PDB file of all heavy atoms in Angstrom:
ATOM      1  N   GLY A   1       0.031 -18.822  -4.867  1.00  0.00           N
ATOM      2  CA  GLY A   1      -0.468 -17.686  -4.118  1.00  0.00           C
ATOM      3  C   GLY A   1      -1.889 -17.928  -3.662  1.00  0.00           C
ATOM      4  O   GLY A   1      -2.657 -18.618  -4.340  1.00  0.00           O
ATOM      5  N   MET A   2      -2.249 -17.370  -2.517  1.00  0.00           N
ATOM      6  CA  MET A   2      -3.594 -17.530  -1.994  1.00  0.00           C
ATOM      7  C   MET A   2      -4.046 -16.209  -1.376  1.00  0.00           C
ATOM      8  O   MET A   2      -3.227 -15.363  -1.008  1.00  0.00           O
ATOM      9  CB  MET A   2      -3.671 -18.641  -0.950  1.00  0.00           C
ATOM     10  CG  MET A   2      -3.290 -20.011  -1.483  1.00  0.00           C
ATOM     11  SD  MET A   2      -3.568 -21.346  -0.291  1.00  0.00           S
ATOM     12  CE  MET A   2      -5.363 -21.469  -0.352  1.00  0.00           C
ATOM     13  N   GLY A   3      -5.367 -16.069  -1.260  1.00  0.00           N
ATOM     14  CA  GLY A   3      -5.890 -14.851  -0.685  1.00  0.00           C
ATOM     15  C   GLY A   3      -7.335 -14.995  -0.253  1.00  0.00           C
ATOM     16  O   GLY A   3      -7.981 -16.021  -0.478  1.00  0.00           O
ATOM     17  N   TRP A   4      -7.818 -13.948   0.401  1.00  0.00           N
ATOM     18  CA  TRP A   4      -9.203 -13.851   0.822  1.00  0.00           C
ATOM     19  C   TRP A   4      -9.858 -12.658   0.144  1.00  0.00           C
ATOM     20  O   TRP A   4      -9.271 -11.566   0.090  1.00  0.00           O
ATOM     21  CB  TRP A   4      -9.315 -13.685   2.340  1.00  0.00           C
ATOM     22  CG  TRP A   4      -8.929 -14.900   3.121  1.00  0.00           C
ATOM     23  CD1 TRP A   4      -7.720 -15.178   3.665  1.00  0.00           C
ATOM     24  CD2 TRP A   4      -9.788 -16.002   3.447  1.00  0.00           C
ATOM     25  NE1 TRP A   4      -7.756 -16.383   4.317  1.00  0.00           N
ATOM     26  CE2 TRP A   4      -9.015 -16.911   4.196  1.00  0.00           C
ATOM     27  CE3 TRP A   4     -11.116 -16.299   3.181  1.00  0.00           C
ATOM     28  CZ2 TRP A   4      -9.535 -18.110   4.688  1.00  0.00           C
ATOM     29  CZ3 TRP A   4     -11.639 -17.488   3.664  1.00  0.00           C
ATOM     30  CH2 TRP A   4     -10.848 -18.377   4.410  1.00  0.00           C
ATOM     31  N   TYR A   5     -11.048 -12.870  -0.374  1.00  0.00           N
ATOM     32  CA  TYR A   5     -11.875 -11.826  -0.958  1.00  0.00           C
ATOM     33  C   TYR A   5     -13.191 -11.771  -0.205  1.00  0.00           C
ATOM     34  O   TYR A   5     -13.570 -12.719   0.486  1.00  0.00           O
ATOM     35  CB  TYR A   5     -12.145 -12.095  -2.435  1.00  0.00           C
ATOM     36  CG  TYR A   5     -10.942 -11.953  -3.342  1.00  0.00           C
ATOM     37  CD1 TYR A   5      -9.906 -12.871  -3.309  1.00  0.00           C
ATOM     38  CD2 TYR A   5     -10.850 -10.894  -4.251  1.00  0.00           C
ATOM     39  CE1 TYR A   5      -8.803 -12.749  -4.137  1.00  0.00           C
ATOM     40  CE2 TYR A   5      -9.758 -10.765  -5.088  1.00  0.00           C
ATOM     41  CZ  TYR A   5      -8.740 -11.694  -5.027  1.00  0.00           C
ATOM     42  OH  TYR A   5      -7.648 -11.566  -5.868  1.00  0.00           O
ATOM     43  N   ARG A   6     -13.903 -10.664  -0.345  1.00  0.00           N
ATOM     44  CA  ARG A   6     -15.221 -10.568   0.252  1.00  0.00           C
ATOM     45  C   ARG A   6     -16.158  -9.808  -0.664  1.00  0.00           C
ATOM     46  O   ARG A   6     -15.735  -8.971  -1.459  1.00  0.00           O
ATOM     47  CB  ARG A   6     -15.171  -9.909   1.636  1.00  0.00           C
ATOM     48  CG  ARG A   6     -14.799  -8.432   1.642  1.00  0.00           C
ATOM     49  CD  ARG A   6     -14.656  -7.933   3.078  1.00  0.00           C
ATOM     50  NE  ARG A   6     -14.324  -6.521   3.143  1.00  0.00           N
ATOM     51  CZ  ARG A   6     -14.013  -5.880   4.267  1.00  0.00           C
ATOM     52  NH1 ARG A   6     -13.986  -6.537   5.420  1.00  0.00           N
ATOM     53  NH2 ARG A   6     -13.729  -4.580   4.238  1.00  0.00           N
ATOM     54  N   GLN A   7     -17.441 -10.116  -0.538  1.00  0.00           N
ATOM     55  CA  GLN A   7     -18.459  -9.473  -1.342  1.00  0.00           C
ATOM     56  C   GLN A   7     -19.679  -9.194  -0.471  1.00  0.00           C
ATOM     57  O   GLN A   7     -20.304 -10.119   0.052  1.00  0.00           O
ATOM     58  CB  GLN A   7     -18.847 -10.341  -2.535  1.00  0.00           C
ATOM     59  CG  GLN A   7     -19.801  -9.669  -3.499  1.00  0.00           C
ATOM     60  CD  GLN A   7     -19.948 -10.448  -4.791  1.00  0.00           C
ATOM     61  OE1 GLN A   7     -19.690 -11.646  -4.840  1.00  0.00           O
ATOM     62  NE2 GLN A   7     -20.350  -9.762  -5.846  1.00  0.00           N
ATOM     63  N   ALA A   8     -19.997  -7.928  -0.316  1.00  0.00           N
ATOM     64  CA  ALA A   8     -21.182  -7.506   0.408  1.00  0.00           C
ATOM     65  C   ALA A   8     -22.349  -7.384  -0.566  1.00  0.00           C
ATOM     66  O   ALA A   8     -22.148  -7.228  -1.774  1.00  0.00           O
ATOM     67  CB  ALA A   8     -20.929  -6.178   1.109  1.00  0.00           C
ATOM     68  N   PRO A   9     -23.584  -7.448  -0.070  1.00  0.00           N
ATOM     69  CA  PRO A   9     -24.744  -7.333  -0.957  1.00  0.00           C
ATOM     70  C   PRO A   9     -24.712  -6.060  -1.791  1.00  0.00           C
ATOM     71  O   PRO A   9     -24.491  -4.966  -1.264  1.00  0.00           O
ATOM     72  CB  PRO A   9     -25.926  -7.330   0.011  1.00  0.00           C
ATOM     73  CG  PRO A   9     -25.432  -8.077   1.204  1.00  0.00           C
ATOM     74  CD  PRO A   9     -23.986  -7.694   1.323  1.00  0.00           C
ATOM     75  N   GLY A  10     -24.907  -6.208  -3.090  1.00  0.00           N
ATOM     76  CA  GLY A  10     -24.930  -5.070  -3.985  1.00  0.00           C
ATOM     77  C   GLY A  10     -23.582  -4.510  -4.338  1.00  0.00           C
ATOM     78  O   GLY A  10     -23.512  -3.474  -5.023  1.00  0.00           O
ATOM     79  N   LYS A  11     -22.497  -5.133  -3.893  1.00  0.00           N
ATOM     80  CA  LYS A  11     -21.158  -4.635  -4.165  1.00  0.00           C
ATOM     81  C   LYS A  11     -20.322  -5.689  -4.879  1.00  0.00           C
ATOM     82  O   LYS A  11     -20.665  -6.867  -4.913  1.00  0.00           O
ATOM     83  CB  LYS A  11     -20.470  -4.206  -2.867  1.00  0.00           C
ATOM     84  CG  LYS A  11     -21.157  -3.051  -2.146  1.00  0.00           C
ATOM     85  CD  LYS A  11     -20.367  -2.602  -0.935  1.00  0.00           C
ATOM     86  CE  LYS A  11     -21.026  -1.420  -0.255  1.00  0.00           C
ATOM     87  NZ  LYS A  11     -20.256  -0.968   0.928  1.00  0.00           N
ATOM     88  N   GLN A  12     -19.210  -5.259  -5.447  1.00  0.00           N
ATOM     89  CA  GLN A  12     -18.316  -6.159  -6.149  1.00  0.00           C
ATOM     90  C   GLN A  12     -17.458  -6.937  -5.165  1.00  0.00           C
ATOM     91  O   GLN A  12     -17.334  -6.565  -3.994  1.00  0.00           O
ATOM     92  CB  GLN A  12     -17.435  -5.384  -7.127  1.00  0.00           C
ATOM     93  CG  GLN A  12     -16.481  -4.404  -6.480  1.00  0.00           C
ATOM     94  CD  GLN A  12     -15.653  -3.631  -7.491  1.00  0.00           C
ATOM     95  OE1 GLN A  12     -15.628  -3.964  -8.675  1.00  0.00           O
ATOM     96  NE2 GLN A  12     -14.964  -2.601  -7.030  1.00  0.00           N
ATOM     97  N   ARG A  13     -16.859  -8.011  -5.659  1.00  0.00           N
ATOM     98  CA  ARG A  13     -15.963  -8.815  -4.853  1.00  0.00           C
ATOM     99  C   ARG A  13     -14.580  -8.156  -4.818  1.00  0.00           C
ATOM    100  O   ARG A  13     -13.974  -7.917  -5.859  1.00  0.00           O
ATOM    101  CB  ARG A  13     -15.870 -10.237  -5.424  1.00  0.00           C
ATOM    102  CG  ARG A  13     -15.073 -11.194  -4.568  1.00  0.00           C
ATOM    103  CD  ARG A  13     -15.104 -12.610  -5.137  1.00  0.00           C
ATOM    104  NE  ARG A  13     -16.450 -13.148  -5.185  1.00  0.00           N
ATOM    105  CZ  ARG A  13     -16.740 -14.391  -5.566  1.00  0.00           C
ATOM    106  NH1 ARG A  13     -15.775 -15.225  -5.927  1.00  0.00           N
ATOM    107  NH2 ARG A  13     -18.006 -14.793  -5.588  1.00  0.00           N
ATOM    108  N   ASP A  14     -14.095  -7.874  -3.624  1.00  0.00           N
ATOM    109  CA  ASP A  14     -12.837  -7.160  -3.451  1.00  0.00           C
ATOM    110  C   ASP A  14     -11.831  -7.994  -2.673  1.00  0.00           C
ATOM    111  O   ASP A  14     -12.192  -8.795  -1.816  1.00  0.00           O
ATOM    112  CB  ASP A  14     -13.056  -5.836  -2.717  1.00  0.00           C
ATOM    113  CG  ASP A  14     -13.864  -4.838  -3.511  1.00  0.00           C
ATOM    114  OD1 ASP A  14     -13.711  -4.797  -4.749  1.00  0.00           O
ATOM    115  OD2 ASP A  14     -14.645  -4.086  -2.892  1.00  0.00           O
ATOM    116  N   LEU A  15     -10.560  -7.755  -2.965  1.00  0.00           N
ATOM    117  CA  LEU A  15      -9.477  -8.410  -2.245  1.00  0.00           C
ATOM    118  C   LEU A  15      -9.404  -7.882  -0.817  1.00  0.00           C
ATOM    119  O   LEU A  15      -9.430  -6.671  -0.592  1.00  0.00           O
ATOM    120  CB  LEU A  15      -8.150  -8.175  -2.959  1.00  0.00           C
ATOM    121  CG  LEU A  15      -6.900  -8.722  -2.257  1.00  0.00           C
ATOM    122  CD1 LEU A  15      -6.902 -10.244  -2.271  1.00  0.00           C
ATOM    123  CD2 LEU A  15      -5.633  -8.184  -2.912  1.00  0.00           C
ATOM    124  N   VAL A  16      -9.294  -8.790   0.136  1.00  0.00           N
ATOM    125  CA  VAL A  16      -9.119  -8.443   1.541  1.00  0.00           C
ATOM    126  C   VAL A  16      -7.659  -8.590   1.957  1.00  0.00           C
ATOM    127  O   VAL A  16      -7.073  -7.687   2.558  1.00  0.00           O
ATOM    128  CB  VAL A  16     -10.010  -9.310   2.445  1.00  0.00           C
ATOM    129  CG1 VAL A  16      -9.756  -8.995   3.917  1.00  0.00           C
ATOM    130  CG2 VAL A  16     -11.476  -9.104   2.098  1.00  0.00           C
ATOM    131  N   ALA A  17      -7.073  -9.735   1.656  1.00  0.00           N
ATOM    132  CA  ALA A  17      -5.695 -10.017   2.020  1.00  0.00           C
ATOM    133  C   ALA A  17      -5.149 -11.096   1.110  1.00  0.00           C
ATOM    134  O   ALA A  17      -5.891 -11.947   0.627  1.00  0.00           O
ATOM    135  CB  ALA A  17      -5.587 -10.451   3.482  1.00  0.00           C
ATOM    136  N   ALA A  18      -3.848 -11.066   0.882  1.00  0.00           N
ATOM    137  CA  ALA A  18      -3.198 -12.050   0.023  1.00  0.00           C
ATOM    138  C   ALA A  18      -1.840 -12.410   0.596  1.00  0.00           C
ATOM    139  O   ALA A  18      -1.204 -11.600   1.281  1.00  0.00           O
ATOM    140  CB  ALA A  18      -3.043 -11.512  -1.398  1.00  0.00           C
ATOM    141  N   ILE A  19      -1.411 -13.623   0.302  1.00  0.00           N
ATOM    142  CA  ILE A  19      -0.084 -14.080   0.688  1.00  0.00           C
ATOM    143  C   ILE A  19       0.570 -14.699  -0.538  1.00  0.00           C
ATOM    144  O   ILE A  19      -0.026 -15.524  -1.234  1.00  0.00           O
ATOM    145  CB  ILE A  19      -0.143 -15.060   1.885  1.00  0.00           C
ATOM    146  CG1 ILE A  19       1.269 -15.418   2.356  1.00  0.00           C
ATOM    147  CG2 ILE A  19      -0.961 -16.299   1.550  1.00  0.00           C
ATOM    148  CD1 ILE A  19       1.279 -16.082   3.732  1.00  0.00           C
ATOM    149  N   THR A  20       1.786 -14.279  -0.836  1.00  0.00           N
ATOM    150  CA  THR A  20       2.470 -14.702  -2.039  1.00  0.00           C
ATOM    151  C   THR A  20       3.234 -15.990  -1.814  1.00  0.00           C
ATOM    152  O   THR A  20       3.352 -16.495  -0.697  1.00  0.00           O
ATOM    153  CB  THR A  20       3.438 -13.614  -2.525  1.00  0.00           C
ATOM    154  OG1 THR A  20       4.512 -13.487  -1.583  1.00  0.00           O
ATOM    155  CG2 THR A  20       2.734 -12.276  -2.659  1.00  0.00           C
ATOM    156  N   GLU A  21       3.779 -16.525  -2.909  1.00  0.00           N
ATOM    157  CA  GLU A  21       4.584 -17.739  -2.846  1.00  0.00           C
ATOM    158  C   GLU A  21       5.773 -17.567  -1.907  1.00  0.00           C
ATOM    159  O   GLU A  21       6.167 -18.510  -1.218  1.00  0.00           O
ATOM    160  CB  GLU A  21       5.057 -18.110  -4.247  1.00  0.00           C
ATOM    161  CG  GLU A  21       5.828 -19.420  -4.326  1.00  0.00           C
ATOM    162  CD  GLU A  21       6.242 -19.759  -5.745  1.00  0.00           C
ATOM    163  OE1 GLU A  21       6.091 -18.901  -6.634  1.00  0.00           O
ATOM    164  OE2 GLU A  21       6.718 -20.889  -5.969  1.00  0.00           O
ATOM    165  N   GLY A  22       6.326 -16.376  -1.867  1.00  0.00           N
ATOM    166  CA  GLY A  22       7.464 -16.104  -1.012  1.00  0.00           C
ATOM    167  C   GLY A  22       7.108 -15.758   0.416  1.00  0.00           C
ATOM    168  O   GLY A  22       8.009 -15.537   1.236  1.00  0.00           O
ATOM    169  N   GLY A  23       5.819 -15.690   0.732  1.00  0.00           N
ATOM    170  CA  GLY A  23       5.388 -15.418   2.087  1.00  0.00           C
ATOM    171  C   GLY A  23       5.052 -13.968   2.378  1.00  0.00           C
ATOM    172  O   GLY A  23       4.667 -13.642   3.505  1.00  0.00           O
ATOM    173  N   SER A  24       5.189 -13.093   1.402  1.00  0.00           N
ATOM    174  CA  SER A  24       4.831 -11.697   1.598  1.00  0.00           C
ATOM    175  C   SER A  24       3.322 -11.544   1.674  1.00  0.00           C
ATOM    176  O   SER A  24       2.577 -12.275   1.016  1.00  0.00           O
ATOM    177  CB  SER A  24       5.384 -10.832   0.470  1.00  0.00           C
ATOM    178  OG  SER A  24       6.799 -10.890   0.433  1.00  0.00           O
ATOM    179  N   THR A  25       2.859 -10.590   2.459  1.00  0.00           N
ATOM    180  CA  THR A  25       1.429 -10.371   2.642  1.00  0.00           C
ATOM    181  C   THR A  25       1.042  -8.965   2.209  1.00  0.00           C
ATOM    182  O   THR A  25       1.844  -8.029   2.282  1.00  0.00           O
ATOM    183  CB  THR A  25       1.008 -10.582   4.099  1.00  0.00           C
ATOM    184  OG1 THR A  25       1.761  -9.706   4.951  1.00  0.00           O
ATOM    185  CG2 THR A  25       1.261 -12.020   4.528  1.00  0.00           C
ATOM    186  N   ASN A  26      -0.199  -8.838   1.766  1.00  0.00           N
ATOM    187  CA  ASN A  26      -0.771  -7.555   1.401  1.00  0.00           C
ATOM    188  C   ASN A  26      -2.205  -7.497   1.904  1.00  0.00           C
ATOM    189  O   ASN A  26      -2.909  -8.506   1.895  1.00  0.00           O
ATOM    190  CB  ASN A  26      -0.738  -7.339  -0.110  1.00  0.00           C
ATOM    191  CG  ASN A  26       0.663  -7.142  -0.637  1.00  0.00           C
ATOM    192  OD1 ASN A  26       1.240  -6.071  -0.487  1.00  0.00           O
ATOM    193  ND2 ASN A  26       1.220  -8.172  -1.253  1.00  0.00           N
ATOM    194  N   TYR A  27      -2.633  -6.312   2.323  1.00  0.00           N
ATOM    195  CA  TYR A  27      -3.956  -6.128   2.897  1.00  0.00           C
ATOM    196  C   TYR A  27      -4.654  -4.932   2.282  1.00  0.00           C
ATOM    197  O   TYR A  27      -4.016  -3.936   1.923  1.00  0.00           O
ATOM    198  CB  TYR A  27      -3.875  -5.909   4.409  1.00  0.00           C
ATOM    199  CG  TYR A  27      -3.281  -7.064   5.170  1.00  0.00           C
ATOM    200  CD1 TYR A  27      -1.914  -7.136   5.417  1.00  0.00           C
ATOM    201  CD2 TYR A  27      -4.090  -8.090   5.654  1.00  0.00           C
ATOM    202  CE1 TYR A  27      -1.367  -8.190   6.110  1.00  0.00           C
ATOM    203  CE2 TYR A  27      -3.547  -9.146   6.353  1.00  0.00           C
ATOM    204  CZ  TYR A  27      -2.189  -9.195   6.583  1.00  0.00           C
ATOM    205  OH  TYR A  27      -1.650 -10.247   7.281  1.00  0.00           O
ATOM    206  N   ALA A  28      -5.977  -5.034   2.189  1.00  0.00           N
ATOM    207  CA  ALA A  28      -6.761  -3.862   1.879  1.00  0.00           C
ATOM    208  C   ALA A  28      -6.605  -2.846   3.001  1.00  0.00           C
ATOM    209  O   ALA A  28      -6.488  -3.216   4.176  1.00  0.00           O
ATOM    210  CB  ALA A  28      -8.235  -4.232   1.703  1.00  0.00           C
TER     211      ALA A  28
END
């Protein structure tokens, strides 16, 4: 599985988007 996270100044690192082994995607 792979995904993208982002972190803005002063904030925590959050999930932006992910793609699973089977190809399914999820988005913030």
